[in-house]
Amino acid sequence: MIRGIRGATTVTENTAEAIYAATVTLFQAIVKDNHLEPEAISSVMTSVTQDIDAAFPAKPIRELAGFQFVPIMGVMEIPVAGALPMCIRLMVNAELGDTKQQDVVHVYLEGAKVLRPDLAK
């Protein structure tokens, strides 16, 4: 069964280094917590808030060993007033076998924990 795995994190500065580091940390946590291999991942969607424009968050994922062939797309979040700033979100679509929806491990890090306190660790 293909399931969507959500995740989000924040950065404190709009630099390529900060964006890459935060994205890799988030992606690796999703992969680890859901016991994923690259072949199990169908696609990854990345999004950023409008205050993040120094780099594409997809780039460091593509550079991870084994993930260079995973399709990754990036989009800009809708600019809703009062939304969490400096936020990077991921939607990882992966084959999770018979894993039930409630057993999927979604990952919220840093300031993004406020988005889903019920799912954040």
PDB file of N, CA and C in Angstrom:
ATOM      1  N   MET A   1       0.843  -1.174   0.000  1.00  0.00           N
ATOM      2  CA  MET A   1       0.000   0.000   0.000  1.00  0.00           C
ATOM      3  C   MET A   1       0.895   1.248   0.000  1.00  0.00           C
ATOM      4  N   ILE A   2       0.599   2.178  -0.896  1.00  0.00           N
ATOM      5  CA  ILE A   2       1.305   3.461  -0.916  1.00  0.00           C
ATOM      6  C   ILE A   2       0.665   4.365   0.134  1.00  0.00           C
ATOM      7  N   ARG A   3       1.472   4.926   0.999  1.00  0.00           N
ATOM      8  CA  ARG A   3       1.002   5.847   2.035  1.00  0.00           C
ATOM      9  C   ARG A   3       1.781   7.152   1.931  1.00  0.00           C
ATOM     10  N   GLY A   4       1.162   8.230   2.346  1.00  0.00           N
ATOM     11  CA  GLY A   4       1.827   9.519   2.438  1.00  0.00           C
ATOM     12  C   GLY A   4       2.367   9.714   3.837  1.00  0.00           C
ATOM     13  N   ILE A   5       3.617  10.154   3.907  1.00  0.00           N
ATOM     14  CA  ILE A   5       4.253  10.415   5.197  1.00  0.00           C
ATOM     15  C   ILE A   5       4.563  11.904   5.242  1.00  0.00           C
ATOM     16  N   ARG A   6       4.002  12.582   6.223  1.00  0.00           N
ATOM     17  CA  ARG A   6       4.188  14.021   6.332  1.00  0.00           C
ATOM     18  C   ARG A   6       5.345  14.357   7.257  1.00  0.00           C
ATOM     19  N   GLY A   7       5.902  15.524   7.005  1.00  0.00           N
ATOM     20  CA  GLY A   7       6.938  16.025   7.891  1.00  0.00           C
ATOM     21  C   GLY A   7       7.132  17.503   7.678  1.00  0.00           C
ATOM     22  N   ALA A   8       7.644  18.176   8.692  1.00  0.00           N
ATOM     23  CA  ALA A   8       7.923  19.604   8.579  1.00  0.00           C
ATOM     24  C   ALA A   8       9.003  19.988   9.578  1.00  0.00           C
ATOM     25  N   THR A   9       9.688  21.044   9.233  1.00  0.00           N
ATOM     26  CA  THR A   9      10.707  21.607  10.112  1.00  0.00           C
ATOM     27  C   THR A   9      10.813  23.093   9.816  1.00  0.00           C
ATOM     28  N   THR A  10      11.581  23.783  10.605  1.00  0.00           N
ATOM     29  CA  THR A  10      11.808  25.203  10.367  1.00  0.00           C
ATOM     30  C   THR A  10      13.306  25.474  10.327  1.00  0.00           C
ATOM     31  N   VAL A  11      13.640  26.610   9.717  1.00  0.00           N
ATOM     32  CA  VAL A  11      15.020  27.090   9.712  1.00  0.00           C
ATOM     33  C   VAL A  11      15.033  28.466  10.357  1.00  0.00           C
ATOM     34  N   THR A  12      16.185  28.844  10.871  1.00  0.00           N
ATOM     35  CA  THR A  12      16.297  30.163  11.506  1.00  0.00           C
ATOM     36  C   THR A  12      16.863  31.208  10.567  1.00  0.00           C
ATOM     37  N   GLU A  13      17.397  30.743   9.429  1.00  0.00           N
ATOM     38  CA  GLU A  13      17.919  31.702   8.442  1.00  0.00           C
ATOM     39  C   GLU A  13      17.707  31.170   7.038  1.00  0.00           C
ATOM     40  N   ASN A  14      17.550  32.078   6.115  1.00  0.00           N
ATOM     41  CA  ASN A  14      17.312  31.758   4.715  1.00  0.00           C
ATOM     42  C   ASN A  14      18.648  31.634   3.981  1.00  0.00           C
ATOM     43  N   THR A  15      19.357  30.545   4.261  1.00  0.00           N
ATOM     44  CA  THR A  15      20.622  30.266   3.582  1.00  0.00           C
ATOM     45  C   THR A  15      20.578  28.850   3.032  1.00  0.00           C
ATOM     46  N   ALA A  16      21.351  28.610   1.983  1.00  0.00           N
ATOM     47  CA  ALA A  16      21.400  27.263   1.409  1.00  0.00           C
ATOM     48  C   ALA A  16      21.831  26.252   2.457  1.00  0.00           C
ATOM     49  N   GLU A  17      22.809  26.599   3.255  1.00  0.00           N
ATOM     50  CA  GLU A  17      23.317  25.674   4.267  1.00  0.00           C
ATOM     51  C   GLU A  17      22.226  25.281   5.263  1.00  0.00           C
ATOM     52  N   ALA A  18      21.487  26.270   5.750  1.00  0.00           N
ATOM     53  CA  ALA A  18      20.425  25.995   6.724  1.00  0.00           C
ATOM     54  C   ALA A  18      19.297  25.170   6.098  1.00  0.00           C
ATOM     55  N   ILE A  19      18.928  25.502   4.872  1.00  0.00           N
ATOM     56  CA  ILE A  19      17.859  24.790   4.177  1.00  0.00           C
ATOM     57  C   ILE A  19      18.266  23.343   3.921  1.00  0.00           C
ATOM     58  N   TYR A  20      19.477  23.140   3.430  1.00  0.00           N
ATOM     59  CA  TYR A  20      19.955  21.780   3.146  1.00  0.00           C
ATOM     60  C   TYR A  20      20.044  20.945   4.421  1.00  0.00           C
ATOM     61  N   ALA A  21      20.621  21.509   5.463  1.00  0.00           N
ATOM     62  CA  ALA A  21      20.787  20.760   6.719  1.00  0.00           C
ATOM     63  C   ALA A  21      19.428  20.372   7.304  1.00  0.00           C
ATOM     64  N   ALA A  22      18.493  21.298   7.342  1.00  0.00           N
ATOM     65  CA  ALA A  22      17.172  21.019   7.914  1.00  0.00           C
ATOM     66  C   ALA A  22      16.418  19.987   7.085  1.00  0.00           C
ATOM     67  N   THR A  23      16.519  20.102   5.767  1.00  0.00           N
ATOM     68  CA  THR A  23      15.822  19.162   4.884  1.00  0.00           C
ATOM     69  C   THR A  23      16.371  17.750   5.040  1.00  0.00           C
ATOM     70  N   VAL A  24      17.687  17.612   5.060  1.00  0.00           N
ATOM     71  CA  VAL A  24      18.301  16.289   5.208  1.00  0.00           C
ATOM     72  C   VAL A  24      17.934  15.681   6.554  1.00  0.00           C
ATOM     73  N   THR A  25      17.984  16.465   7.619  1.00  0.00           N
ATOM     74  CA  THR A  25      17.627  15.958   8.945  1.00  0.00           C
ATOM     75  C   THR A  25      16.189  15.454   8.956  1.00  0.00           C
ATOM     76  N   LEU A  26      15.279  16.224   8.390  1.00  0.00           N
ATOM     77  CA  LEU A  26      13.873  15.836   8.340  1.00  0.00           C
ATOM     78  C   LEU A  26      13.678  14.586   7.485  1.00  0.00           C
ATOM     79  N   PHE A  27      14.244  14.579   6.297  1.00  0.00           N
ATOM     80  CA  PHE A  27      14.082  13.437   5.398  1.00  0.00           C
ATOM     81  C   PHE A  27      14.652  12.163   6.008  1.00  0.00           C
ATOM     82  N   GLN A  28      15.836  12.252   6.575  1.00  0.00           N
ATOM     83  CA  GLN A  28      16.445  11.071   7.181  1.00  0.00           C
ATOM     84  C   GLN A  28      15.643  10.556   8.369  1.00  0.00           C
ATOM     85  N   ALA A  29      15.016  11.444   9.121  1.00  0.00           N
ATOM     86  CA  ALA A  29      14.158  11.011  10.231  1.00  0.00           C
ATOM     87  C   ALA A  29      12.928  10.275   9.710  1.00  0.00           C
ATOM     88  N   ILE A  30      12.338  10.770   8.632  1.00  0.00           N
ATOM     89  CA  ILE A  30      11.179  10.101   8.030  1.00  0.00           C
ATOM     90  C   ILE A  30      11.576   8.713   7.539  1.00  0.00           C
ATOM     91  N   VAL A  31      12.711   8.635   6.845  1.00  0.00           N
ATOM     92  CA  VAL A  31      13.190   7.352   6.322  1.00  0.00           C
ATOM     93  C   VAL A  31      13.462   6.373   7.467  1.00  0.00           C
ATOM     94  N   LYS A  32      14.164   6.823   8.485  1.00  0.00           N
ATOM     95  CA  LYS A  32      14.522   5.951   9.617  1.00  0.00           C
ATOM     96  C   LYS A  32      13.281   5.505  10.388  1.00  0.00           C
ATOM     97  N   ASP A  33      12.429   6.464  10.749  1.00  0.00           N
ATOM     98  CA  ASP A  33      11.276   6.147  11.592  1.00  0.00           C
ATOM     99  C   ASP A  33      10.262   5.239  10.901  1.00  0.00           C
ATOM    100  N   ASN A  34      10.261   5.260   9.553  1.00  0.00           N
ATOM    101  CA  ASN A  34       9.324   4.425   8.804  1.00  0.00           C
ATOM    102  C   ASN A  34      10.008   3.235   8.118  1.00  0.00           C
ATOM    103  N   HIS A  35      11.281   3.025   8.456  1.00  0.00           N
ATOM    104  CA  HIS A  35      12.049   1.874   7.947  1.00  0.00           C
ATOM    105  C   HIS A  35      12.002   1.790   6.422  1.00  0.00           C
ATOM    106  N   LEU A  36      12.306   2.909   5.756  1.00  0.00           N
ATOM    107  CA  LEU A  36      12.214   2.976   4.306  1.00  0.00           C
ATOM    108  C   LEU A  36      13.552   2.719   3.621  1.00  0.00           C
ATOM    109  N   GLU A  37      13.467   2.067   2.486  1.00  0.00           N
ATOM    110  CA  GLU A  37      14.589   1.925   1.564  1.00  0.00           C
ATOM    111  C   GLU A  37      14.279   2.825   0.366  1.00  0.00           C
ATOM    112  N   PRO A  38      15.290   3.290  -0.347  1.00  0.00           N
ATOM    113  CA  PRO A  38      15.031   4.170  -1.494  1.00  0.00           C
ATOM    114  C   PRO A  38      14.017   3.600  -2.490  1.00  0.00           C
ATOM    115  N   GLU A  39      14.092   2.307  -2.772  1.00  0.00           N
ATOM    116  CA  GLU A  39      13.174   1.687  -3.739  1.00  0.00           C
ATOM    117  C   GLU A  39      11.717   1.734  -3.302  1.00  0.00           C
ATOM    118  N   ALA A  40      11.458   1.898  -2.010  1.00  0.00           N
ATOM    119  CA  ALA A  40      10.083   1.951  -1.508  1.00  0.00           C
ATOM    120  C   ALA A  40       9.440   3.314  -1.722  1.00  0.00           C
ATOM    121  N   ILE A  41      10.258   4.325  -1.985  1.00  0.00           N
ATOM    122  CA  ILE A  41       9.744   5.693  -2.112  1.00  0.00           C
ATOM    123  C   ILE A  41       9.316   5.968  -3.548  1.00  0.00           C
ATOM    124  N   SER A  42       8.030   6.300  -3.729  1.00  0.00           N
ATOM    125  CA  SER A  42       7.486   6.618  -5.047  1.00  0.00           C
ATOM    126  C   SER A  42       7.836   8.031  -5.460  1.00  0.00           C
ATOM    127  N   SER A  43       7.712   8.975  -4.516  1.00  0.00           N
ATOM    128  CA  SER A  43       8.001  10.372  -4.816  1.00  0.00           C
ATOM    129  C   SER A  43       8.059  11.168  -3.524  1.00  0.00           C
ATOM    130  N   VAL A  44       8.645  12.359  -3.643  1.00  0.00           N
ATOM    131  CA  VAL A  44       8.727  13.284  -2.516  1.00  0.00           C
ATOM    132  C   VAL A  44       8.289  14.659  -3.004  1.00  0.00           C
ATOM    133  N   MET A  45       7.403  15.285  -2.259  1.00  0.00           N
ATOM    134  CA  MET A  45       6.999  16.665  -2.528  1.00  0.00           C
ATOM    135  C   MET A  45       7.596  17.533  -1.429  1.00  0.00           C
ATOM    136  N   THR A  46       8.277  18.592  -1.818  1.00  0.00           N
ATOM    137  CA  THR A  46       8.793  19.550  -0.840  1.00  0.00           C
ATOM    138  C   THR A  46       8.044  20.860  -1.019  1.00  0.00           C
ATOM    139  N   SER A  47       7.850  21.556   0.079  1.00  0.00           N
ATOM    140  CA  SER A  47       7.288  22.901  -0.019  1.00  0.00           C
ATOM    141  C   SER A  47       7.996  23.795   0.981  1.00  0.00           C
ATOM    142  N   VAL A  48       8.005  25.075   0.659  1.00  0.00           N
ATOM    143  CA  VAL A  48       8.603  26.072   1.543  1.00  0.00           C
ATOM    144  C   VAL A  48       7.670  27.268   1.646  1.00  0.00           C
ATOM    145  N   THR A  49       7.782  27.975   2.750  1.00  0.00           N
ATOM    146  CA  THR A  49       7.059  29.231   2.887  1.00  0.00           C
ATOM    147  C   THR A  49       7.782  30.290   2.052  1.00  0.00           C
ATOM    148  N   GLN A  50       7.105  31.386   1.773  1.00  0.00           N
ATOM    149  CA  GLN A  50       7.649  32.396   0.859  1.00  0.00           C
ATOM    150  C   GLN A  50       8.913  33.078   1.354  1.00  0.00           C
ATOM    151  N   ASP A  51       9.229  32.944   2.625  1.00  0.00           N
ATOM    152  CA  ASP A  51      10.436  33.566   3.159  1.00  0.00           C
ATOM    153  C   ASP A  51      11.671  32.685   2.987  1.00  0.00           C
ATOM    154  N   ILE A  52      11.517  31.546   2.326  1.00  0.00           N
ATOM    155  CA  ILE A  52      12.644  30.647   2.029  1.00  0.00           C
ATOM    156  C   ILE A  52      12.835  30.605   0.516  1.00  0.00           C
ATOM    157  N   ASP A  53      13.917  31.217   0.058  1.00  0.00           N
ATOM    158  CA  ASP A  53      14.180  31.229  -1.382  1.00  0.00           C
ATOM    159  C   ASP A  53      15.670  31.163  -1.735  1.00  0.00           C
ATOM    160  N   ALA A  54      16.502  30.789  -0.775  1.00  0.00           N
ATOM    161  CA  ALA A  54      17.945  30.738  -1.010  1.00  0.00           C
ATOM    162  C   ALA A  54      18.394  29.438  -1.670  1.00  0.00           C
ATOM    163  N   ALA A  55      17.560  28.396  -1.631  1.00  0.00           N
ATOM    164  CA  ALA A  55      17.939  27.106  -2.204  1.00  0.00           C
ATOM    165  C   ALA A  55      16.710  26.214  -2.327  1.00  0.00           C
ATOM    166  N   PHE A  56      16.843  25.209  -3.182  1.00  0.00           N
ATOM    167  CA  PHE A  56      15.797  24.202  -3.336  1.00  0.00           C
ATOM    168  C   PHE A  56      15.998  23.098  -2.305  1.00  0.00           C
ATOM    169  N   PRO A  57      15.006  22.792  -1.472  1.00  0.00           N
ATOM    170  CA  PRO A  57      15.175  21.714  -0.496  1.00  0.00           C
ATOM    171  C   PRO A  57      15.288  20.329  -1.137  1.00  0.00           C
ATOM    172  N   ALA A  58      14.884  20.185  -2.381  1.00  0.00           N
ATOM    173  CA  ALA A  58      14.993  18.885  -3.050  1.00  0.00           C
ATOM    174  C   ALA A  58      16.450  18.502  -3.321  1.00  0.00           C
ATOM    175  N   LYS A  59      17.304  19.474  -3.521  1.00  0.00           N
ATOM    176  CA  LYS A  59      18.691  19.212  -3.920  1.00  0.00           C
ATOM    177  C   LYS A  59      19.446  18.276  -2.971  1.00  0.00           C
ATOM    178  N   PRO A  60      19.447  18.514  -1.665  1.00  0.00           N
ATOM    179  CA  PRO A  60      20.222  17.615  -0.805  1.00  0.00           C
ATOM    180  C   PRO A  60      19.632  16.207  -0.701  1.00  0.00           C
ATOM    181  N   ILE A  61      18.322  16.072  -0.927  1.00  0.00           N
ATOM    182  CA  ILE A  61      17.728  14.736  -0.923  1.00  0.00           C
ATOM    183  C   ILE A  61      18.250  13.941  -2.110  1.00  0.00           C
ATOM    184  N   ARG A  62      18.273  14.584  -3.284  1.00  0.00           N
ATOM    185  CA  ARG A  62      18.776  13.923  -4.494  1.00  0.00           C
ATOM    186  C   ARG A  62      20.232  13.499  -4.355  1.00  0.00           C
ATOM    187  N   GLU A  63      20.984  14.180  -3.507  1.00  0.00           N
ATOM    188  CA  GLU A  63      22.404  13.899  -3.351  1.00  0.00           C
ATOM    189  C   GLU A  63      22.692  12.808  -2.312  1.00  0.00           C
ATOM    190  N   LEU A  64      21.678  12.360  -1.598  1.00  0.00           N
ATOM    191  CA  LEU A  64      21.873  11.279  -0.631  1.00  0.00           C
ATOM    192  C   LEU A  64      22.061   9.956  -1.366  1.00  0.00           C
ATOM    193  N   ALA A  65      22.978   9.156  -0.895  1.00  0.00           N
ATOM    194  CA  ALA A  65      23.260   7.867  -1.531  1.00  0.00           C
ATOM    195  C   ALA A  65      21.994   7.026  -1.637  1.00  0.00           C
ATOM    196  N   GLY A  66      21.700   6.574  -2.843  1.00  0.00           N
ATOM    197  CA  GLY A  66      20.553   5.718  -3.087  1.00  0.00           C
ATOM    198  C   GLY A  66      19.272   6.455  -3.455  1.00  0.00           C
ATOM    199  N   PHE A  67      19.230   7.756  -3.259  1.00  0.00           N
ATOM    200  CA  PHE A  67      17.994   8.500  -3.498  1.00  0.00           C
ATOM    201  C   PHE A  67      18.034   9.345  -4.766  1.00  0.00           C
ATOM    202  N   GLN A  68      19.085   9.220  -5.575  1.00  0.00           N
ATOM    203  CA  GLN A  68      19.241  10.078  -6.742  1.00  0.00           C
ATOM    204  C   GLN A  68      18.173   9.852  -7.812  1.00  0.00           C
ATOM    205  N   PHE A  69      17.477   8.710  -7.788  1.00  0.00           N
ATOM    206  CA  PHE A  69      16.455   8.430  -8.798  1.00  0.00           C
ATOM    207  C   PHE A  69      15.028   8.630  -8.285  1.00  0.00           C
ATOM    208  N   VAL A  70      14.880   9.024  -7.031  1.00  0.00           N
ATOM    209  CA  VAL A  70      13.554   9.289  -6.472  1.00  0.00           C
ATOM    210  C   VAL A  70      13.026  10.602  -7.044  1.00  0.00           C
ATOM    211  N   PRO A  71      11.835  10.609  -7.648  1.00  0.00           N
ATOM    212  CA  PRO A  71      11.274  11.852  -8.173  1.00  0.00           C
ATOM    213  C   PRO A  71      10.941  12.814  -7.024  1.00  0.00           C
ATOM    214  N   ILE A  72      11.426  14.047  -7.155  1.00  0.00           N
ATOM    215  CA  ILE A  72      11.207  15.060  -6.116  1.00  0.00           C
ATOM    216  C   ILE A  72      10.731  16.346  -6.782  1.00  0.00           C
ATOM    217  N   MET A  73       9.709  16.958  -6.220  1.00  0.00           N
ATOM    218  CA  MET A  73       9.189  18.213  -6.747  1.00  0.00           C
ATOM    219  C   MET A  73       9.090  19.223  -5.618  1.00  0.00           C
ATOM    220  N   GLY A  74       9.308  20.467  -5.931  1.00  0.00           N
ATOM    221  CA  GLY A  74       9.211  21.532  -4.946  1.00  0.00           C
ATOM    222  C   GLY A  74       8.150  22.546  -5.322  1.00  0.00           C
ATOM    223  N   VAL A  75       7.445  23.043  -4.308  1.00  0.00           N
ATOM    224  CA  VAL A  75       6.406  24.057  -4.511  1.00  0.00           C
ATOM    225  C   VAL A  75       6.487  25.091  -3.390  1.00  0.00           C
ATOM    226  N   MET A  76       5.781  26.188  -3.599  1.00  0.00           N
ATOM    227  CA  MET A  76       5.683  27.255  -2.606  1.00  0.00           C
ATOM    228  C   MET A  76       4.360  27.102  -1.857  1.00  0.00           C
ATOM    229  N   GLU A  77       4.404  27.227  -0.541  1.00  0.00           N
ATOM    230  CA  GLU A  77       3.188  27.162   0.269  1.00  0.00           C
ATOM    231  C   GLU A  77       2.286  28.372  -0.014  1.00  0.00           C
ATOM    232  N   ILE A  78       1.010  28.191   0.192  1.00  0.00           N
ATOM    233  CA  ILE A  78       0.058  29.294   0.081  1.00  0.00           C
ATOM    234  C   ILE A  78       0.356  30.283   1.208  1.00  0.00           C
ATOM    235  N   PRO A  79       0.463  31.577   0.897  1.00  0.00           N
ATOM    236  CA  PRO A  79       0.812  32.571   1.925  1.00  0.00           C
ATOM    237  C   PRO A  79      -0.387  32.968   2.797  1.00  0.00           C
ATOM    238  N   VAL A  80      -0.754  32.109   3.710  1.00  0.00           N
ATOM    239  CA  VAL A  80      -1.882  32.376   4.612  1.00  0.00           C
ATOM    240  C   VAL A  80      -1.400  33.267   5.756  1.00  0.00           C
ATOM    241  N   ALA A  81      -2.159  34.315   6.048  1.00  0.00           N
ATOM    242  CA  ALA A  81      -1.803  35.223   7.138  1.00  0.00           C
ATOM    243  C   ALA A  81      -1.700  34.457   8.453  1.00  0.00           C
ATOM    244  N   GLY A  82      -0.613  34.685   9.174  1.00  0.00           N
ATOM    245  CA  GLY A  82      -0.418  34.056  10.467  1.00  0.00           C
ATOM    246  C   GLY A  82       0.185  32.660  10.408  1.00  0.00           C
ATOM    247  N   ALA A  83       0.485  32.163   9.203  1.00  0.00           N
ATOM    248  CA  ALA A  83       1.067  30.822   9.077  1.00  0.00           C
ATOM    249  C   ALA A  83       2.485  30.800   9.644  1.00  0.00           C
ATOM    250  N   LEU A  84       2.934  29.619  10.019  1.00  0.00           N
ATOM    251  CA  LEU A  84       4.277  29.435  10.558  1.00  0.00           C
ATOM    252  C   LEU A  84       5.318  29.858   9.518  1.00  0.00           C
ATOM    253  N   PRO A  85       6.206  30.789   9.853  1.00  0.00           N
ATOM    254  CA  PRO A  85       7.226  31.226   8.896  1.00  0.00           C
ATOM    255  C   PRO A  85       8.424  30.278   8.853  1.00  0.00           C
ATOM    256  N   MET A  86       9.243  30.445   7.818  1.00  0.00           N
ATOM    257  CA  MET A  86      10.520  29.725   7.670  1.00  0.00           C
ATOM    258  C   MET A  86      10.333  28.217   7.786  1.00  0.00           C
ATOM    259  N   CYS A  87       9.310  27.705   7.117  1.00  0.00           N
ATOM    260  CA  CYS A  87       8.926  26.300   7.265  1.00  0.00           C
ATOM    261  C   CYS A  87       9.165  25.519   5.977  1.00  0.00           C
ATOM    262  N   ILE A  88       9.747  24.348   6.134  1.00  0.00           N
ATOM    263  CA  ILE A  88       9.953  23.390   5.052  1.00  0.00           C
ATOM    264  C   ILE A  88       9.072  22.185   5.366  1.00  0.00           C
ATOM    265  N   ARG A  89       8.290  21.768   4.382  1.00  0.00           N
ATOM    266  CA  ARG A  89       7.428  20.604   4.565  1.00  0.00           C
ATOM    267  C   ARG A  89       7.803  19.526   3.543  1.00  0.00           C
ATOM    268  N   LEU A  90       7.628  18.277   3.928  1.00  0.00           N
ATOM    269  CA  LEU A  90       7.833  17.151   3.021  1.00  0.00           C
ATOM    270  C   LEU A  90       6.600  16.268   3.029  1.00  0.00           C
ATOM    271  N   MET A  91       6.290  15.705   1.865  1.00  0.00           N
ATOM    272  CA  MET A  91       5.297  14.644   1.740  1.00  0.00           C
ATOM    273  C   MET A  91       6.006  13.521   0.995  1.00  0.00           C
ATOM    274  N   VAL A  92       6.294  12.451   1.714  1.00  0.00           N
ATOM    275  CA  VAL A  92       6.982  11.300   1.145  1.00  0.00           C
ATOM    276  C   VAL A  92       5.931  10.225   0.863  1.00  0.00           C
ATOM    277  N   ASN A  93       5.805   9.848  -0.399  1.00  0.00           N
ATOM    278  CA  ASN A  93       4.875   8.794  -0.790  1.00  0.00           C
ATOM    279  C   ASN A  93       5.671   7.513  -0.937  1.00  0.00           C
ATOM    280  N   ALA A  94       5.310   6.506  -0.134  1.00  0.00           N
ATOM    281  CA  ALA A  94       6.120   5.290  -0.098  1.00  0.00           C
ATOM    282  C   ALA A  94       5.271   4.043   0.078  1.00  0.00           C
ATOM    283  N   GLU A  95       5.821   2.938  -0.398  1.00  0.00           N
ATOM    284  CA  GLU A  95       5.208   1.629  -0.222  1.00  0.00           C
ATOM    285  C   GLU A  95       5.472   1.184   1.213  1.00  0.00           C
ATOM    286  N   LEU A  96       4.405   1.056   1.988  1.00  0.00           N
ATOM    287  CA  LEU A  96       4.539   0.684   3.395  1.00  0.00           C
ATOM    288  C   LEU A  96       3.909  -0.671   3.707  1.00  0.00           C
ATOM    289  N   GLY A  97       3.724  -1.482   2.684  1.00  0.00           N
ATOM    290  CA  GLY A  97       3.159  -2.807   2.916  1.00  0.00           C
ATOM    291  C   GLY A  97       1.780  -2.720   3.528  1.00  0.00           C
ATOM    292  N   ASP A  98       1.564  -3.436   4.614  1.00  0.00           N
ATOM    293  CA  ASP A  98       0.247  -3.444   5.256  1.00  0.00           C
ATOM    294  C   ASP A  98       0.167  -2.482   6.444  1.00  0.00           C
ATOM    295  N   THR A  99       1.082  -1.509   6.494  1.00  0.00           N
ATOM    296  CA  THR A  99       1.056  -0.509   7.571  1.00  0.00           C
ATOM    297  C   THR A  99      -0.251   0.268   7.534  1.00  0.00           C
ATOM    298  N   LYS A 100      -0.919   0.352   8.659  1.00  0.00           N
ATOM    299  CA  LYS A 100      -2.169   1.101   8.758  1.00  0.00           C
ATOM    300  C   LYS A 100      -1.882   2.602   8.859  1.00  0.00           C
ATOM    301  N   GLN A 101      -2.862   3.411   8.455  1.00  0.00           N
ATOM    302  CA  GLN A 101      -2.713   4.876   8.498  1.00  0.00           C
ATOM    303  C   GLN A 101      -2.221   5.343   9.864  1.00  0.00           C
ATOM    304  N   GLN A 102      -2.815   4.811  10.934  1.00  0.00           N
ATOM    305  CA  GLN A 102      -2.467   5.272  12.279  1.00  0.00           C
ATOM    306  C   GLN A 102      -1.063   4.853  12.704  1.00  0.00           C
ATOM    307  N   ASP A 103      -0.439   3.944  11.964  1.00  0.00           N
ATOM    308  CA  ASP A 103       0.900   3.484  12.315  1.00  0.00           C
ATOM    309  C   ASP A 103       2.009   4.164  11.510  1.00  0.00           C
ATOM    310  N   VAL A 104       1.645   5.008  10.570  1.00  0.00           N
ATOM    311  CA  VAL A 104       2.633   5.781   9.818  1.00  0.00           C
ATOM    312  C   VAL A 104       3.253   6.796  10.770  1.00  0.00           C
ATOM    313  N   VAL A 105       4.571   6.942  10.707  1.00  0.00           N
ATOM    314  CA  VAL A 105       5.263   7.875  11.604  1.00  0.00           C
ATOM    315  C   VAL A 105       5.531   9.177  10.853  1.00  0.00           C
ATOM    316  N   HIS A 106       4.776  10.205  11.195  1.00  0.00           N
ATOM    317  CA  HIS A 106       4.965  11.540  10.633  1.00  0.00           C
ATOM    318  C   HIS A 106       5.965  12.268  11.540  1.00  0.00           C
ATOM    319  N   VAL A 107       6.764  13.142  10.954  1.00  0.00           N
ATOM    320  CA  VAL A 107       7.867  13.756  11.700  1.00  0.00           C
ATOM    321  C   VAL A 107       7.754  15.279  11.662  1.00  0.00           C
ATOM    322  N   TYR A 108       7.698  15.879  12.831  1.00  0.00           N
ATOM    323  CA  TYR A 108       7.663  17.339  12.959  1.00  0.00           C
ATOM    324  C   TYR A 108       8.810  17.752  13.873  1.00  0.00           C
ATOM    325  N   LEU A 109       9.692  18.591  13.350  1.00  0.00           N
ATOM    326  CA  LEU A 109      10.894  18.991  14.076  1.00  0.00           C
ATOM    327  C   LEU A 109      10.933  20.504  14.284  1.00  0.00           C
ATOM    328  N   GLU A 110      11.783  20.892  15.199  1.00  0.00           N
ATOM    329  CA  GLU A 110      12.050  22.321  15.473  1.00  0.00           C
ATOM    330  C   GLU A 110      10.736  23.071  15.694  1.00  0.00           C
ATOM    331  N   GLY A 111      10.623  24.260  15.108  1.00  0.00           N
ATOM    332  CA  GLY A 111       9.424  25.086  15.304  1.00  0.00           C
ATOM    333  C   GLY A 111       8.168  24.510  14.690  1.00  0.00           C
ATOM    334  N   ALA A 112       8.324  23.535  13.792  1.00  0.00           N
ATOM    335  CA  ALA A 112       7.159  22.936  13.129  1.00  0.00           C
ATOM    336  C   ALA A 112       6.373  22.000  14.042  1.00  0.00           C
ATOM    337  N   LYS A 113       6.889  21.729  15.218  1.00  0.00           N
ATOM    338  CA  LYS A 113       6.150  20.877  16.158  1.00  0.00           C
ATOM    339  C   LYS A 113       4.781  21.468  16.491  1.00  0.00           C
ATOM    340  N   VAL A 114       4.639  22.788  16.381  1.00  0.00           N
ATOM    341  CA  VAL A 114       3.361  23.430  16.680  1.00  0.00           C
ATOM    342  C   VAL A 114       2.294  23.115  15.638  1.00  0.00           C
ATOM    343  N   LEU A 115       2.713  22.681  14.446  1.00  0.00           N
ATOM    344  CA  LEU A 115       1.751  22.376  13.395  1.00  0.00           C
ATOM    345  C   LEU A 115       0.906  21.155  13.730  1.00  0.00           C
ATOM    346  N   ARG A 116       1.545  20.149  14.319  1.00  0.00           N
ATOM    347  CA  ARG A 116       0.842  18.917  14.688  1.00  0.00           C
ATOM    348  C   ARG A 116       1.383  18.414  16.003  1.00  0.00           C
ATOM    349  N   PRO A 117       1.050  19.084  17.105  1.00  0.00           N
ATOM    350  CA  PRO A 117       1.560  18.636  18.406  1.00  0.00           C
ATOM    351  C   PRO A 117       1.129  17.206  18.746  1.00  0.00           C
ATOM    352  N   ASP A 118       0.048  16.757  18.156  1.00  0.00           N
ATOM    353  CA  ASP A 118      -0.410  15.390  18.402  1.00  0.00           C
ATOM    354  C   ASP A 118       0.497  14.354  17.740  1.00  0.00           C
ATOM    355  N   LEU A 119       1.268  14.762  16.728  1.00  0.00           N
ATOM    356  CA  LEU A 119       2.165  13.841  16.031  1.00  0.00           C
ATOM    357  C   LEU A 119       3.639  14.095  16.324  1.00  0.00           C
ATOM    358  N   ALA A 120       3.966  15.278  16.837  1.00  0.00           N
ATOM    359  CA  ALA A 120       5.367  15.629  17.093  1.00  0.00           C
ATOM    360  C   ALA A 120       5.910  14.833  18.283  1.00  0.00           C
ATOM    361  N   LYS A 121       7.196  14.533  18.186  1.00  0.00           N
ATOM    362  CA  LYS A 121       7.854  13.783  19.265  1.00  0.00           C
ATOM    363  C   LYS A 121       8.427  14.760  20.286  1.00  0.00           C
TER     364      LYS A 121
END
